[in-house]
Amino acid sequence: MDRVEPTPSSGSDDAASTAFLPSVAEIDRRNGALRSLMRANGWSAMLVAGRAGATDAGFVRYASGWRLWGGSSFVVLRADDEPTILLGSNSQVHWAAQFSWVRDARYVDDIAAAAAGLLRGLPASSLATVGLGRCASNRDAELIRSHIGADAADATPGVTSLMVHKSAEERALQAAGARAIAAAHERFAAELRPGRTEFEVVSAAVESAVRGGCTDGIAHLSTGTLPYIHPPTARRFEAEDVVRFSMEYAGPAGYWIELSGVYSFQEPTPRDQRLFDVTRTAMDAVGAALRPGARAADVGAISAKVFQESGMPPTGR
């Protein structure tokens, strides 16, 4: 399989500078892991579903290197042959053929029907799907199930496990995304002052994130008054504001980063300072408990306990 070496962002207008692909070694590791999973279960083909937006889980990007910027997609992985990516946009097909590691990128009017066609003739017992119930539309999922039969396996847990156990390179790519969002927060703080609008300050932070290769995400803020968390508006910051600013962005290689900060133009009120301190204590306690073998529910209970003992019982979520 021919592959494109990753090209780090250099600030140029060259489209290749935004490819942000993993290294060839990481691509080979990933492809090898997926095919090993298929061979271990006797699957001759695996259908990977993806859909742009909050409902996506990164399966298509993991299996192909392609960042869906709109619509839905299916990747057909074959145990002993080249993969195919199906897209409903000619522009995405054009760029996916160059900047993903899947060379067989096809435009189709009906991606679900096309995916079913690629699997036609294969026994259902030799097929598996990934993310079909989560990422595909109900219509597409039902159409595919009607074509491939009920015996097809759900490989979602197995592929999710592969994605969760990250290589050293993947962890480095995650860290690069975290640094980009941290830099965006620094830009937010540098631009934040009374009299400026939320639009002006948040746009500077978003510009910083995009320059760092983060193109998908949400930037919201709150001053502690209704409507609480909201997108930026034309409102001007006031000297009395305590501003909560949150960025939730996919880093250059697709790893999701959430980072929030609290900013004040003057000494915070005792209540705001106490809330900040208790939150920090809870986060430190959770961080100390995060280790292999820890149960998520137990770790979550630690945070609730810190707030409860501080006289600030959690409400709702």
Protein backbone atom coordinates (compact mmCIF):
# COMPACT_ATOMS: atom_id res chain seq x y z
CA MET A 1 0.00 0.00 0.00
CA ASP A 2 1.42 3.43 -0.94
CA ARG A 3 1.37 5.94 1.89
CA VAL A 4 1.94 9.64 2.39
CA GLU A 5 4.56 10.56 4.97
CA PRO A 6 3.08 12.94 7.54
CA THR A 7 3.94 16.59 6.99
CA PRO A 8 3.85 18.76 10.11
CA SER A 9 2.15 22.11 9.91
CA SER A 10 4.57 24.81 8.80
CA GLY A 11 2.10 27.67 8.51
CA SER A 12 2.21 27.51 4.72
CA ASP A 13 -0.78 27.32 2.43
CA ASP A 14 0.34 23.93 1.11
CA ALA A 15 -2.57 21.49 1.60
CA ALA A 16 -0.08 18.81 2.60
CA SER A 17 0.81 20.85 5.69
CA THR A 18 -2.64 20.08 7.11
CA ALA A 19 -2.53 16.32 6.49
CA PHE A 20 -1.39 15.49 10.05
CA LEU A 21 -1.14 11.80 9.33
CA PRO A 22 0.62 9.48 11.76
CA SER A 23 3.96 8.07 10.70
CA VAL A 24 4.19 5.12 8.33
CA ALA A 25 5.21 2.95 11.29
CA GLU A 26 2.07 3.96 13.21
CA ILE A 27 -0.13 3.40 10.16
CA ASP A 28 1.36 -0.08 9.74
CA ARG A 29 0.86 -0.81 13.44
CA ARG A 30 -2.78 0.23 13.24
CA ASN A 31 -3.50 -1.72 10.05
CA GLY A 32 -1.75 -4.75 11.50
CA ALA A 33 -3.82 -4.60 14.68
CA LEU A 34 -7.09 -4.34 12.73
CA ARG A 35 -6.20 -7.26 10.48
CA SER A 36 -5.05 -9.36 13.43
CA LEU A 37 -8.45 -8.77 15.03
CA MET A 38 -10.13 -9.89 11.82
CA ARG A 39 -8.02 -13.03 11.44
CA ALA A 40 -8.48 -13.99 15.10
CA ASN A 41 -12.26 -13.94 14.62
CA GLY A 42 -12.39 -15.41 11.12
CA TRP A 43 -13.73 -12.21 9.54
CA SER A 44 -12.95 -11.67 5.86
CA ALA A 45 -14.27 -8.09 5.87
CA MET A 46 -15.10 -5.39 8.37
CA LEU A 47 -17.42 -2.45 7.70
CA VAL A 48 -16.45 0.71 9.61
CA ALA A 49 -19.05 3.48 9.98
CA GLY A 50 -18.50 7.19 10.52
CA ARG A 51 -20.51 10.39 10.56
CA ALA A 52 -19.25 13.95 10.97
CA GLY A 53 -20.24 15.68 14.18
CA ALA A 54 -20.72 14.87 17.85
CA THR A 55 -22.17 11.40 17.16
CA ASP A 56 -18.95 10.22 15.52
CA ALA A 57 -16.50 8.06 17.45
CA GLY A 58 -13.37 8.34 15.29
CA PHE A 59 -13.61 4.84 13.78
CA VAL A 60 -13.26 6.00 10.16
CA ARG A 61 -10.32 8.22 11.03
CA TYR A 62 -8.62 5.42 12.93
CA ALA A 63 -9.05 2.99 10.03
CA SER A 64 -8.23 5.38 7.18
CA GLY A 65 -6.64 8.59 8.41
CA TRP A 66 -9.49 10.59 6.87
CA ARG A 67 -11.12 13.44 8.82
CA LEU A 68 -14.79 13.59 7.87
CA TRP A 69 -15.77 17.25 7.64
CA GLY A 70 -19.36 16.51 6.68
CA GLY A 71 -21.79 13.72 5.93
CA SER A 72 -21.32 10.01 6.51
CA SER A 73 -18.78 7.45 5.39
CA PHE A 74 -18.05 3.74 5.37
CA VAL A 75 -14.65 2.09 5.19
CA VAL A 76 -14.56 -1.51 4.01
CA LEU A 77 -11.54 -3.33 5.44
CA ARG A 78 -10.55 -6.64 3.88
CA ALA A 79 -8.37 -9.22 5.58
CA ASP A 80 -6.26 -9.87 2.49
CA ASP A 81 -6.83 -6.89 0.21
CA GLU A 82 -6.77 -3.10 0.06
CA PRO A 83 -9.42 -1.06 1.93
CA THR A 84 -12.07 1.14 0.31
CA ILE A 85 -13.54 4.37 1.66
CA LEU A 86 -16.98 5.48 0.47
CA LEU A 87 -17.92 9.16 0.62
CA GLY A 88 -20.91 11.21 -0.47
CA SER A 89 -18.87 14.27 -1.48
CA ASN A 90 -16.62 14.62 -4.52
CA SER A 91 -14.38 17.11 -2.74
CA GLN A 92 -13.81 14.71 0.15
CA VAL A 93 -13.03 11.90 -2.28
CA HIS A 94 -10.46 14.11 -4.01
CA TRP A 95 -8.63 14.97 -0.80
CA ALA A 96 -9.09 11.58 0.87
CA ALA A 97 -7.33 9.95 -2.07
CA GLN A 98 -4.31 12.15 -1.37
CA PHE A 99 -4.20 12.68 2.37
CA SER A 100 -5.59 9.49 3.87
CA TRP A 101 -3.76 6.19 3.57
CA VAL A 102 -6.66 4.58 1.69
CA ARG A 103 -6.04 4.87 -2.03
CA ASP A 104 -9.42 3.48 -3.13
CA ALA A 105 -11.65 6.48 -2.32
CA ARG A 106 -15.03 6.44 -4.10
CA TYR A 107 -17.87 8.92 -4.50
CA VAL A 108 -21.31 7.29 -4.35
CA ASP A 109 -24.84 8.67 -4.13
CA ASP A 110 -25.91 6.06 -1.56
CA ILE A 111 -23.01 5.01 0.66
CA ALA A 112 -25.00 2.35 2.51
CA ALA A 113 -26.14 0.64 -0.69
CA ALA A 114 -22.60 0.84 -2.06
CA ALA A 115 -21.16 -0.66 1.13
CA ALA A 116 -23.67 -3.49 1.03
CA GLY A 117 -22.71 -4.09 -2.60
CA LEU A 118 -19.03 -4.45 -1.71
CA LEU A 119 -19.94 -7.12 0.84
CA ARG A 120 -22.41 -8.98 -1.37
CA GLY A 121 -21.65 -12.67 -1.74
CA LEU A 122 -19.73 -12.96 1.51
CA PRO A 123 -21.32 -15.12 4.22
CA ALA A 124 -22.64 -13.07 7.14
CA SER A 125 -20.62 -15.18 9.55
CA SER A 126 -17.42 -13.80 7.96
CA LEU A 127 -18.47 -10.16 8.29
CA ALA A 128 -18.22 -7.64 11.14
CA THR A 129 -19.36 -4.07 11.58
CA VAL A 130 -17.87 -1.22 13.61
CA GLY A 131 -19.95 1.68 14.93
CA LEU A 132 -22.99 0.79 12.84
CA GLY A 133 -25.46 1.43 15.66
CA ARG A 134 -23.76 4.61 16.83
CA CYS A 135 -22.39 6.43 13.79
CA ALA A 136 -24.64 5.42 10.89
CA SER A 137 -28.12 6.81 10.39
CA ASN A 138 -30.99 4.47 11.25
CA ARG A 139 -31.84 4.20 7.57
CA ASP A 140 -28.27 3.26 6.56
CA ALA A 141 -27.87 0.82 9.44
CA GLU A 142 -31.10 -0.98 8.63
CA LEU A 143 -30.30 -1.14 4.92
CA ILE A 144 -26.90 -2.69 5.60
CA ARG A 145 -28.28 -5.19 8.12
CA SER A 146 -30.95 -6.26 5.63
CA HIS A 147 -28.25 -6.99 3.05
CA ILE A 148 -25.55 -8.66 5.12
CA GLY A 149 -27.79 -10.66 7.48
CA ALA A 150 -28.16 -10.94 11.22
CA ASP A 151 -25.11 -13.17 11.71
CA ALA A 152 -22.60 -10.36 11.12
CA ALA A 153 -20.58 -9.70 14.26
CA ASP A 154 -20.29 -6.39 16.09
CA ALA A 155 -16.58 -5.59 16.19
CA THR A 156 -17.11 -2.21 17.88
CA PRO A 157 -15.83 -3.33 21.33
CA GLY A 158 -12.72 -4.90 19.81
CA VAL A 159 -11.84 -1.85 17.70
CA THR A 160 -12.61 0.47 20.61
CA SER A 161 -10.13 -1.49 22.71
CA LEU A 162 -7.47 -1.04 20.02
CA MET A 163 -8.13 2.70 19.96
CA VAL A 164 -8.05 3.07 23.74
CA HIS A 165 -4.68 1.33 24.13
CA LYS A 166 -2.53 4.01 22.51
CA SER A 167 1.00 3.77 21.21
CA ALA A 168 3.75 6.19 22.26
CA GLU A 169 3.27 8.10 19.00
CA GLU A 170 -0.47 8.41 19.55
CA ARG A 171 0.14 9.78 23.04
CA ALA A 172 2.55 12.32 21.54
CA LEU A 173 -0.12 13.35 19.03
CA GLN A 174 -2.62 13.75 21.88
CA ALA A 175 -0.13 15.95 23.72
CA ALA A 176 0.33 18.12 20.63
CA GLY A 177 -3.42 18.76 20.58
CA ALA A 178 -3.41 19.61 24.29
CA ARG A 179 -0.57 22.12 23.76
CA ALA A 180 -2.48 23.77 20.92
CA ILE A 181 -5.58 24.28 23.08
CA ALA A 182 -3.48 25.46 26.03
CA ALA A 183 -1.93 28.06 23.70
CA ALA A 184 -5.42 29.10 22.61
CA HIS A 185 -6.34 29.70 26.27
CA GLU A 186 -3.20 31.84 26.66
CA ARG A 187 -4.34 33.88 23.66
CA PHE A 188 -7.80 34.22 25.25
CA ALA A 189 -6.26 35.54 28.47
CA ALA A 190 -4.03 37.96 26.56
CA GLU A 191 -7.00 39.41 24.66
CA LEU A 192 -9.45 39.47 27.58
CA ARG A 193 -10.16 42.87 29.11
CA PRO A 194 -13.18 44.99 30.03
CA GLY A 195 -14.83 46.69 27.09
CA ARG A 196 -13.97 44.04 24.52
CA THR A 197 -16.72 41.85 23.12
CA GLU A 198 -17.01 38.11 23.54
CA PHE A 199 -16.78 37.83 19.75
CA GLU A 200 -13.42 39.62 19.68
CA VAL A 201 -11.79 37.65 22.47
CA VAL A 202 -13.11 34.18 21.62
CA SER A 203 -12.29 34.62 17.93
CA ALA A 204 -8.65 35.26 18.86
CA ALA A 205 -8.57 32.00 20.85
CA VAL A 206 -10.20 30.08 18.00
CA GLU A 207 -7.72 31.57 15.52
CA SER A 208 -4.90 30.29 17.71
CA ALA A 209 -6.46 26.81 17.84
CA VAL A 210 -6.87 26.68 14.06
CA ARG A 211 -3.26 27.80 13.56
CA GLY A 212 -2.32 24.85 15.75
CA GLY A 213 -4.20 22.48 13.44
CA CYS A 214 -7.41 22.18 15.50
CA THR A 215 -10.29 22.63 13.05
CA ASP A 216 -13.22 20.87 14.75
CA GLY A 217 -14.59 22.05 18.04
CA ILE A 218 -16.65 24.22 20.35
CA ALA A 219 -15.64 27.39 22.21
CA HIS A 220 -18.17 28.48 24.84
CA LEU A 221 -18.08 30.75 27.86
CA SER A 222 -20.09 31.90 30.86
CA THR A 223 -20.07 34.79 33.31
CA GLY A 224 -22.15 32.87 35.83
CA THR A 225 -25.46 34.46 34.85
CA LEU A 226 -28.23 33.16 32.66
CA PRO A 227 -28.05 31.66 30.07
CA TYR A 228 -24.81 30.34 31.59
CA ILE A 229 -22.70 28.41 29.06
CA HIS A 230 -23.21 29.97 25.64
CA PRO A 231 -21.44 30.68 22.34
CA PRO A 232 -19.76 34.11 22.12
CA THR A 233 -22.00 37.14 21.63
CA ALA A 234 -21.61 40.88 21.05
CA ARG A 235 -21.76 41.48 24.82
CA ARG A 236 -18.83 43.48 26.20
CA PHE A 237 -16.91 42.16 29.19
CA GLU A 238 -17.29 44.12 32.43
CA ALA A 239 -14.75 44.65 35.17
CA GLU A 240 -16.84 42.62 37.64
CA ASP A 241 -17.02 39.55 35.41
CA VAL A 242 -15.67 36.16 36.42
CA VAL A 243 -15.38 34.38 33.08
CA ARG A 244 -15.48 30.62 32.58
CA PHE A 245 -14.09 29.75 29.16
CA SER A 246 -14.20 26.23 27.72
CA MET A 247 -12.70 24.82 24.54
CA GLU A 248 -13.58 21.34 23.29
CA TYR A 249 -11.53 20.62 20.17
CA ALA A 250 -10.14 17.78 18.13
CA GLY A 251 -6.39 18.19 17.89
CA PRO A 252 -4.49 18.04 14.59
CA ALA A 253 -4.54 14.22 14.55
CA GLY A 254 -8.14 13.92 15.73
CA TYR A 255 -7.71 13.38 19.47
CA TRP A 256 -10.38 15.27 21.45
CA ILE A 257 -9.20 17.78 24.05
CA GLU A 258 -11.41 19.58 26.58
CA LEU A 259 -9.83 22.43 28.55
CA SER A 260 -11.58 25.04 30.68
CA GLY A 261 -10.25 28.07 32.53
CA VAL A 262 -11.61 30.65 34.98
CA TYR A 263 -10.57 34.28 34.53
CA SER A 264 -11.21 37.31 36.74
CA PHE A 265 -10.23 40.99 36.37
CA GLN A 266 -10.11 41.46 40.15
CA GLU A 267 -9.89 39.43 43.34
CA PRO A 268 -12.67 36.82 43.19
CA THR A 269 -15.46 36.78 45.74
CA PRO A 270 -15.05 34.34 48.64
CA ARG A 271 -17.70 32.09 47.05
CA ASP A 272 -15.98 32.02 43.65
CA GLN A 273 -12.58 31.39 45.27
CA ARG A 274 -14.02 28.57 47.38
CA LEU A 275 -15.67 26.94 44.37
CA PHE A 276 -12.37 27.14 42.48
CA ASP A 277 -10.38 25.69 45.39
CA VAL A 278 -12.79 22.80 46.00
CA THR A 279 -12.87 22.01 42.29
CA ARG A 280 -9.08 21.94 42.18
CA THR A 281 -8.98 19.66 45.25
CA ALA A 282 -11.49 17.30 43.62
CA MET A 283 -9.51 17.19 40.37
CA ASP A 284 -6.26 16.48 42.24
CA ALA A 285 -7.96 13.65 44.16
CA VAL A 286 -9.34 12.15 40.94
CA GLY A 287 -5.93 12.45 39.26
CA ALA A 288 -4.28 10.58 42.12
CA ALA A 289 -6.83 7.75 41.76
CA LEU A 290 -6.44 7.28 38.01
CA ARG A 291 -4.44 4.11 37.51
CA PRO A 292 -4.71 0.83 35.61
CA GLY A 293 -7.51 -1.26 37.07
CA ALA A 294 -9.45 1.62 38.59
CA ARG A 295 -13.19 1.60 37.88
CA ALA A 296 -14.64 4.74 36.31
CA ALA A 297 -17.58 4.75 38.71
CA ASP A 298 -15.24 4.64 41.71
CA VAL A 299 -13.11 7.49 40.40
CA GLY A 300 -16.22 9.59 39.77
CA ALA A 301 -17.39 8.99 43.33
CA ILE A 302 -14.15 10.54 44.64
CA SER A 303 -15.06 13.91 43.11
CA ALA A 304 -18.58 13.78 44.55
CA LYS A 305 -17.17 12.94 48.00
CA VAL A 306 -14.81 15.95 47.98
CA PHE A 307 -17.66 18.32 47.16
CA GLN A 308 -19.99 16.69 49.68
CA GLU A 309 -17.45 16.96 52.51
CA SER A 310 -16.81 20.60 51.58
CA GLY A 311 -20.46 21.48 52.06
CA MET A 312 -21.01 21.90 48.35
CA PRO A 313 -23.00 18.83 47.32
CA PRO A 314 -23.15 18.23 43.55
CA THR A 315 -26.43 19.04 41.82
CA GLY A 316 -27.64 17.27 38.68
CA ARG A 317 -24.71 16.13 36.57
